[in-house]
C-alpha atoms as a PDB file:
ATOM      1  CA  MET A   1      55.290 -69.788  23.063  1.00  0.00           C
ATOM      2  CA  LYS A   2      56.845 -65.912  23.212  1.00  0.00           C
ATOM      3  CA  LYS A   3      55.192 -65.449  19.655  1.00  0.00           C
ATOM      4  CA  PRO A   4      51.891 -65.667  20.772  1.00  0.00           C
ATOM      5  CA  LEU A   5      52.571 -62.953  23.390  1.00  0.00           C
ATOM      6  CA  LEU A   6      54.365 -61.046  21.146  1.00  0.00           C
ATOM      7  CA  VAL A   7      51.259 -61.247  18.561  1.00  0.00           C
ATOM      8  CA  SER A   8      48.536 -60.079  21.531  1.00  0.00           C
ATOM      9  CA  SER A   9      51.407 -57.749  22.445  1.00  0.00           C
ATOM     10  CA  SER A  10      51.331 -55.694  18.578  1.00  0.00           C
ATOM     11  CA  LEU A  11      47.475 -55.884  19.022  1.00  0.00           C
ATOM     12  CA  LEU A  12      47.124 -54.496  22.092  1.00  0.00           C
ATOM     13  CA  ALA A  13      49.560 -51.773  21.218  1.00  0.00           C
ATOM     14  CA  GLY A  14      47.836 -51.158  17.935  1.00  0.00           C
ATOM     15  CA  LEU A  15      44.270 -50.833  19.972  1.00  0.00           C
ATOM     16  CA  LEU A  16      45.931 -48.260  22.009  1.00  0.00           C
ATOM     17  CA  VAL A  17      47.529 -46.320  18.955  1.00  0.00           C
ATOM     18  CA  CYS A  18      43.767 -46.335  17.677  1.00  0.00           C
ATOM     19  CA  LEU A  19      41.705 -45.237  20.361  1.00  0.00           C
ATOM     20  CA  ALA A  20      44.190 -42.501  21.549  1.00  0.00           C
ATOM     21  CA  ALA A  21      44.043 -40.993  17.793  1.00  0.00           C
ATOM     22  CA  ALA A  22      40.593 -41.311  17.417  1.00  0.00           C
ATOM     23  CA  PRO A  23      38.561 -38.273  18.907  1.00  0.00           C
ATOM     24  CA  ALA A  24      36.329 -38.396  22.351  1.00  0.00           C
ATOM     25  CA  SER A  25      32.735 -37.961  20.991  1.00  0.00           C
ATOM     26  CA  ALA A  26      32.009 -37.286  24.984  1.00  0.00           C
ATOM     27  CA  GLN A  27      34.214 -34.407  25.049  1.00  0.00           C
ATOM     28  CA  ASP A  28      32.272 -32.737  22.030  1.00  0.00           C
ATOM     29  CA  SER A  29      31.668 -28.932  23.024  1.00  0.00           C
ATOM     30  CA  THR A  30      27.178 -28.310  22.514  1.00  0.00           C
ATOM     31  CA  PRO A  31      26.945 -26.819  19.020  1.00  0.00           C
ATOM     32  CA  PRO A  32      26.417 -22.938  19.217  1.00  0.00           C
ATOM     33  CA  PRO A  33      22.904 -21.682  19.661  1.00  0.00           C
ATOM     34  CA  PRO A  34      21.380 -20.673  15.783  1.00  0.00           C
ATOM     35  CA  ALA A  35      22.129 -17.637  14.888  1.00  0.00           C
ATOM     36  CA  SER A  36      19.464 -15.444  15.595  1.00  0.00           C
ATOM     37  CA  SER A  37      17.599 -13.878  12.324  1.00  0.00           C
ATOM     38  CA  PRO A  38      16.544 -10.330  12.236  1.00  0.00           C
ATOM     39  CA  PRO A  39      12.784 -10.001  12.978  1.00  0.00           C
ATOM     40  CA  PRO A  40      10.655  -9.566   9.488  1.00  0.00           C
ATOM     41  CA  ALA A  41       9.997  -6.379   8.220  1.00  0.00           C
ATOM     42  CA  ALA A  42       6.680  -4.998   9.135  1.00  0.00           C
ATOM     43  CA  SER A  43       4.587  -5.067   6.418  1.00  0.00           C
ATOM     44  CA  SER A  44       4.034  -2.041   4.455  1.00  0.00           C
ATOM     45  CA  SER A  45       0.282  -2.548   4.293  1.00  0.00           C
ATOM     46  CA  MET A  46      -0.176  -3.034   7.853  1.00  0.00           C
ATOM     47  CA  GLY A  47       1.696  -0.773   9.507  1.00  0.00           C
ATOM     48  CA  GLY A  48      -1.269   1.695  10.799  1.00  0.00           C
ATOM     49  CA  GLY A  49      -1.319   4.621  12.233  1.00  0.00           C
ATOM     50  CA  ALA A  50       0.041   6.421   9.234  1.00  0.00           C
ATOM     51  CA  ILE A  51      -0.395   9.937   7.695  1.00  0.00           C
ATOM     52  CA  GLY A  52       0.281   9.731   3.710  1.00  0.00           C
ATOM     53  CA  ILE A  53      -0.240  12.674   1.222  1.00  0.00           C
ATOM     54  CA  GLY A  54      -0.321  12.257  -2.193  1.00  0.00           C
ATOM     55  CA  ALA A  55      -3.409  12.396  -5.620  1.00  0.00           C
ATOM     56  CA  VAL A  56      -5.583  10.851  -6.772  1.00  0.00           C
ATOM     57  CA  GLU A  57      -8.316  11.377 -10.099  1.00  0.00           C
ATOM     58  CA  TRP A  58     -11.647   9.607  -9.191  1.00  0.00           C
ATOM     59  CA  LEU A  59     -13.693   7.329 -11.736  1.00  0.00           C
ATOM     60  CA  SER A  60     -15.834  10.546 -11.992  1.00  0.00           C
ATOM     61  CA  PRO A  61     -14.613  13.029 -14.062  1.00  0.00           C
ATOM     62  CA  PHE A  62     -14.027  16.040 -11.649  1.00  0.00           C
ATOM     63  CA  VAL A  63     -12.411  15.237  -8.048  1.00  0.00           C
ATOM     64  CA  THR A  64      -9.221  15.164  -8.835  1.00  0.00           C
ATOM     65  CA  GLY A  65      -6.868  16.763  -6.434  1.00  0.00           C
ATOM     66  CA  GLY A  66      -4.459  16.635  -3.638  1.00  0.00           C
ATOM     67  CA  GLU A  67      -4.843  13.672  -1.084  1.00  0.00           C
ATOM     68  CA  PHE A  68      -4.549  13.108   2.521  1.00  0.00           C
ATOM     69  CA  VAL A  69      -4.476   9.535   3.455  1.00  0.00           C
ATOM     70  CA  TYR A  70      -5.417   8.250   7.468  1.00  0.00           C
ATOM     71  CA  ASP A  71      -4.281   4.455   7.156  1.00  0.00           C
ATOM     72  CA  MET A  72      -4.700   2.159   9.953  1.00  0.00           C
ATOM     73  CA  PRO A  73      -4.442  -1.749  10.221  1.00  0.00           C
ATOM     74  CA  VAL A  74      -8.288  -2.218   9.253  1.00  0.00           C
ATOM     75  CA  PHE A  75      -9.481   0.495   7.333  1.00  0.00           C
ATOM     76  CA  HIS A  76      -7.954   3.513   5.916  1.00  0.00           C
ATOM     77  CA  ILE A  77      -9.772   7.036   5.028  1.00  0.00           C
ATOM     78  CA  GLU A  78      -9.100   9.756   2.575  1.00  0.00           C
ATOM     79  CA  ALA A  79      -9.639  13.526   1.396  1.00  0.00           C
ATOM     80  CA  ALA A  80      -9.257  14.864  -1.795  1.00  0.00           C
ATOM     81  CA  LEU A  81      -8.762  18.804  -2.825  1.00  0.00           C
ATOM     82  CA  GLY A  82      -8.852  20.342  -5.802  1.00  0.00           C
ATOM     83  CA  ILE A  83      -8.768  24.207  -6.832  1.00  0.00           C
ATOM     84  CA  ASN A  84      -8.883  24.992 -10.421  1.00  0.00           C
ATOM     85  CA  HIS A  85      -8.761  29.068 -11.805  1.00  0.00           C
ATOM     86  CA  ASP A  86      -8.944  30.074 -15.171  1.00  0.00           C
ATOM     87  CA  SER A  87      -8.960  32.872 -16.563  1.00  0.00           C
ATOM     88  CA  PRO A  88      -8.640  33.212 -20.177  1.00  0.00           C
ATOM     89  CA  GLY A  89      -6.485  36.322 -21.649  1.00  0.00           C
ATOM     90  CA  GLY A  90      -8.682  37.854 -24.193  1.00  0.00           C
ATOM     91  CA  GLY A  91     -10.700  39.367 -21.504  1.00  0.00           C
ATOM     92  CA  GLY A  92     -13.446  36.619 -21.183  1.00  0.00           C
ATOM     93  CA  PRO A  93     -15.245  35.290 -17.718  1.00  0.00           C
ATOM     94  CA  SER A  94     -12.754  33.553 -15.714  1.00  0.00           C
ATOM     95  CA  THR A  95     -14.330  30.354 -13.608  1.00  0.00           C
ATOM     96  CA  THR A  96     -13.112  28.566 -10.797  1.00  0.00           C
ATOM     97  CA  ALA A  97     -13.599  25.042  -9.856  1.00  0.00           C
ATOM     98  CA  PHE A  98     -13.189  23.866  -6.513  1.00  0.00           C
ATOM     99  CA  ASP A  99     -13.417  20.041  -5.956  1.00  0.00           C
ATOM    100  CA  ILE A 100     -13.676  17.963  -2.611  1.00  0.00           C
ATOM    101  CA  GLY A 101     -13.959  14.383  -1.837  1.00  0.00           C
ATOM    102  CA  VAL A 102     -14.222  11.912   1.551  1.00  0.00           C
ATOM    103  CA  ALA A 103     -13.867   8.136   1.029  1.00  0.00           C
ATOM    104  CA  GLY A 104     -13.838   5.551   3.642  1.00  0.00           C
ATOM    105  CA  TRP A 105     -11.846   1.599   2.766  1.00  0.00           C
ATOM    106  CA  TYR A 106     -12.278  -1.283   4.528  1.00  0.00           C
ATOM    107  CA  HIS A 107      -9.162  -3.785   3.950  1.00  0.00           C
ATOM    108  CA  LEU A 108     -10.359  -7.332   3.146  1.00  0.00           C
ATOM    109  CA  ALA A 109      -7.170  -8.675   2.187  1.00  0.00           C
ATOM    110  CA  ARG A 110      -3.615  -7.845   3.216  1.00  0.00           C
ATOM    111  CA  GLY A 111      -0.345  -9.082   2.084  1.00  0.00           C
ATOM    112  CA  ALA A 112       3.258  -8.035   2.376  1.00  0.00           C
ATOM    113  CA  SER A 113       3.589  -5.176  -0.201  1.00  0.00           C
ATOM    114  CA  ALA A 114      -0.642  -4.711  -1.070  1.00  0.00           C
ATOM    115  CA  ASP A 115      -4.120  -4.336   0.024  1.00  0.00           C
ATOM    116  CA  PHE A 116      -7.287  -5.033  -1.361  1.00  0.00           C
ATOM    117  CA  SER A 117     -10.202  -2.779   0.094  1.00  0.00           C
ATOM    118  CA  ILE A 118     -13.612  -2.303  -0.650  1.00  0.00           C
ATOM    119  CA  GLY A 119     -15.801   1.043  -0.101  1.00  0.00           C
ATOM    120  CA  GLY A 120     -16.259   4.674  -1.461  1.00  0.00           C
ATOM    121  CA  GLY A 121     -16.474   7.802  -1.630  1.00  0.00           C
ATOM    122  CA  ALA A 122     -18.379  10.926  -1.997  1.00  0.00           C
ATOM    123  CA  GLY A 123     -17.695  14.413  -3.666  1.00  0.00           C
ATOM    124  CA  LEU A 124     -18.852  17.572  -4.688  1.00  0.00           C
ATOM    125  CA  ALA A 125     -17.370  19.885  -7.331  1.00  0.00           C
ATOM    126  CA  TYR A 126     -18.432  23.292  -7.585  1.00  0.00           C
ATOM    127  CA  THR A 127     -17.663  25.856 -10.206  1.00  0.00           C
ATOM    128  CA  SER A 128     -18.518  29.464 -10.200  1.00  0.00           C
ATOM    129  CA  THR A 129     -18.230  31.880 -13.514  1.00  0.00           C
ATOM    130  CA  SER A 130     -17.247  35.604 -12.602  1.00  0.00           C
ATOM    131  CA  MET A 131     -18.931  38.307 -15.075  1.00  0.00           C
ATOM    132  CA  GLY A 132     -22.585  37.096 -14.002  1.00  0.00           C
ATOM    133  CA  GLY A 133     -22.184  33.988 -15.496  1.00  0.00           C
ATOM    134  CA  PRO A 134     -24.011  30.217 -14.216  1.00  0.00           C
ATOM    135  CA  SER A 135     -22.557  28.733 -11.417  1.00  0.00           C
ATOM    136  CA  GLN A 136     -22.730  25.200 -10.901  1.00  0.00           C
ATOM    137  CA  THR A 137     -22.501  22.057  -8.009  1.00  0.00           C
ATOM    138  CA  LEU A 138     -22.080  18.581  -8.730  1.00  0.00           C
ATOM    139  CA  PHE A 139     -22.032  15.537  -6.546  1.00  0.00           C
ATOM    140  CA  ALA A 140     -20.227  12.030  -7.321  1.00  0.00           C
ATOM    141  CA  LEU A 141     -21.012   9.179  -4.834  1.00  0.00           C
ATOM    142  CA  GLU A 142     -18.468   5.987  -5.871  1.00  0.00           C
ATOM    143  CA  PRO A 143     -18.608   2.816  -4.110  1.00  0.00           C
ATOM    144  CA  GLY A 144     -16.197   0.390  -5.142  1.00  0.00           C
ATOM    145  CA  ILE A 145     -13.255  -1.199  -4.370  1.00  0.00           C
ATOM    146  CA  GLU A 146      -9.330   0.263  -4.145  1.00  0.00           C
ATOM    147  CA  ALA A 147      -6.049  -1.655  -4.133  1.00  0.00           C
ATOM    148  CA  ARG A 148      -3.032  -0.431  -3.102  1.00  0.00           C
ATOM    149  CA  ALA A 149       0.655  -1.859  -4.714  1.00  0.00           C
ATOM    150  CA  PHE A 150       2.925  -0.397  -1.915  1.00  0.00           C
ATOM    151  CA  LEU A 151       6.383  -0.072  -4.039  1.00  0.00           C
ATOM    152  CA  SER A 152       8.104   0.778  -0.953  1.00  0.00           C
ATOM    153  CA  GLN A 153       7.558   0.926   3.331  1.00  0.00           C
ATOM    154  CA  ASN A 154       6.484   4.790   2.373  1.00  0.00           C
ATOM    155  CA  PHE A 155       5.078   4.391  -1.349  1.00  0.00           C
ATOM    156  CA  ALA A 156       1.743   3.128  -2.680  1.00  0.00           C
ATOM    157  CA  LEU A 157      -0.108   3.342  -6.081  1.00  0.00           C
ATOM    158  CA  THR A 158      -3.585   2.794  -5.727  1.00  0.00           C
ATOM    159  CA  PHE A 159      -6.206   1.886  -8.328  1.00  0.00           C
ATOM    160  CA  ARG A 160     -10.001   1.980  -8.296  1.00  0.00           C
ATOM    161  CA  MET A 161     -12.453   0.337  -9.662  1.00  0.00           C
ATOM    162  CA  GLY A 162     -16.254   0.747  -9.373  1.00  0.00           C
ATOM    163  CA  PHE A 163     -19.252   2.367  -9.853  1.00  0.00           C
ATOM    164  CA  ALA A 164     -19.427   6.503 -10.512  1.00  0.00           C
ATOM    165  CA  ILE A 165     -22.879   8.433  -9.697  1.00  0.00           C
ATOM    166  CA  THR A 166     -23.018  12.472 -10.546  1.00  0.00           C
ATOM    167  CA  PHE A 167     -25.969  14.538 -10.311  1.00  0.00           C
ATOM    168  CA  GLY A 168     -25.923  17.760 -10.107  1.00  0.00           C
ATOM    169  CA  ASP A 169     -27.749  21.461 -10.557  1.00  0.00           C
ATOM    170  CA  ASN A 170     -28.103  23.983 -13.832  1.00  0.00           C
ATOM    171  CA  ASN A 171     -28.854  21.402 -16.513  1.00  0.00           C
ATOM    172  CA  ALA A 172     -26.177  18.922 -15.320  1.00  0.00           C
ATOM    173  CA  ASP A 173     -26.718  15.635 -16.756  1.00  0.00           C
ATOM    174  CA  THR A 174     -27.389  12.645 -14.122  1.00  0.00           C
ATOM    175  CA  THR A 175     -24.794  10.053 -15.645  1.00  0.00           C
ATOM    176  CA  PHE A 176     -24.505   6.286 -13.639  1.00  0.00           C
ATOM    177  CA  SER A 177     -21.305   4.591 -14.876  1.00  0.00           C
ATOM    178  CA  LEU A 178     -19.672   1.439 -13.878  1.00  0.00           C
ATOM    179  CA  GLY A 179     -15.516   1.739 -14.427  1.00  0.00           C
ATOM    180  CA  GLY A 180     -11.917   1.392 -13.828  1.00  0.00           C
ATOM    181  CA  GLN A 181      -9.256   3.704 -14.228  1.00  0.00           C
ATOM    182  CA  GLY A 182      -7.033   3.704 -17.118  1.00  0.00           C
ATOM    183  CA  SER A 183      -3.043   3.471 -16.991  1.00  0.00           C
ATOM    184  CA  GLY A 184      -3.054   7.659 -16.330  1.00  0.00           C
ATOM    185  CA  GLN A 185      -5.712   7.652 -14.222  1.00  0.00           C
ATOM    186  CA  PHE A 186      -4.318   6.207 -10.833  1.00  0.00           C
ATOM    187  CA  GLY A 187      -2.959   7.798  -7.623  1.00  0.00           C
ATOM    188  CA  PHE A 188      -0.441   7.840  -5.495  1.00  0.00           C
ATOM    189  CA  VAL A 189       0.578   8.362  -1.444  1.00  0.00           C
ATOM    190  CA  TYR A 190       3.164   8.782   0.801  1.00  0.00           C
ATOM    191  CA  PHE A 191       3.264   7.644   4.321  1.00  0.00           C
ATOM    192  CA  PHE A 192       5.249   9.282   6.349  1.00  0.00           C
ATOM    193  CA  ARG A 193       5.897   6.459   9.175  1.00  0.00           C
END
């Protein structure tokens, strides 16, 4: 009868060894809190309140120059200014051209690195000629759409498409055209954020 007691004692000892070797799950510490992720980067086109400078060429052939942009979350406004003075070397009459334009754009859609807007602008180009030559004043109205692609938070390329309506004085042609900027006719803006 001693044998069954020995078997029972061996089973009991083996069970105690297994229980002692097994990790106690009730003693586990709480898992560490999830690593906090950095805040998402602000969207380039949604920063709002930014001021930018750059260059632009309108759809009409005469409003080109430096550009000032004030960017808000829902819209942005632009002003363009260009000056060109030409003095021929042969003593002929010199010409001075002055271009100015203003535009406003409502953001229909905004993404992480682009926005799409509807709006338009109005521009004026004045050309004067020395030595009693004629002067000319041209006007432009340009309703349309504009897309801005932000290559970084501070730098954007702009592309336009729309109607260009031009008219003026001194036998200036009145034109109405539908067009978009070609690959060489785009604007760029650097934003100070």
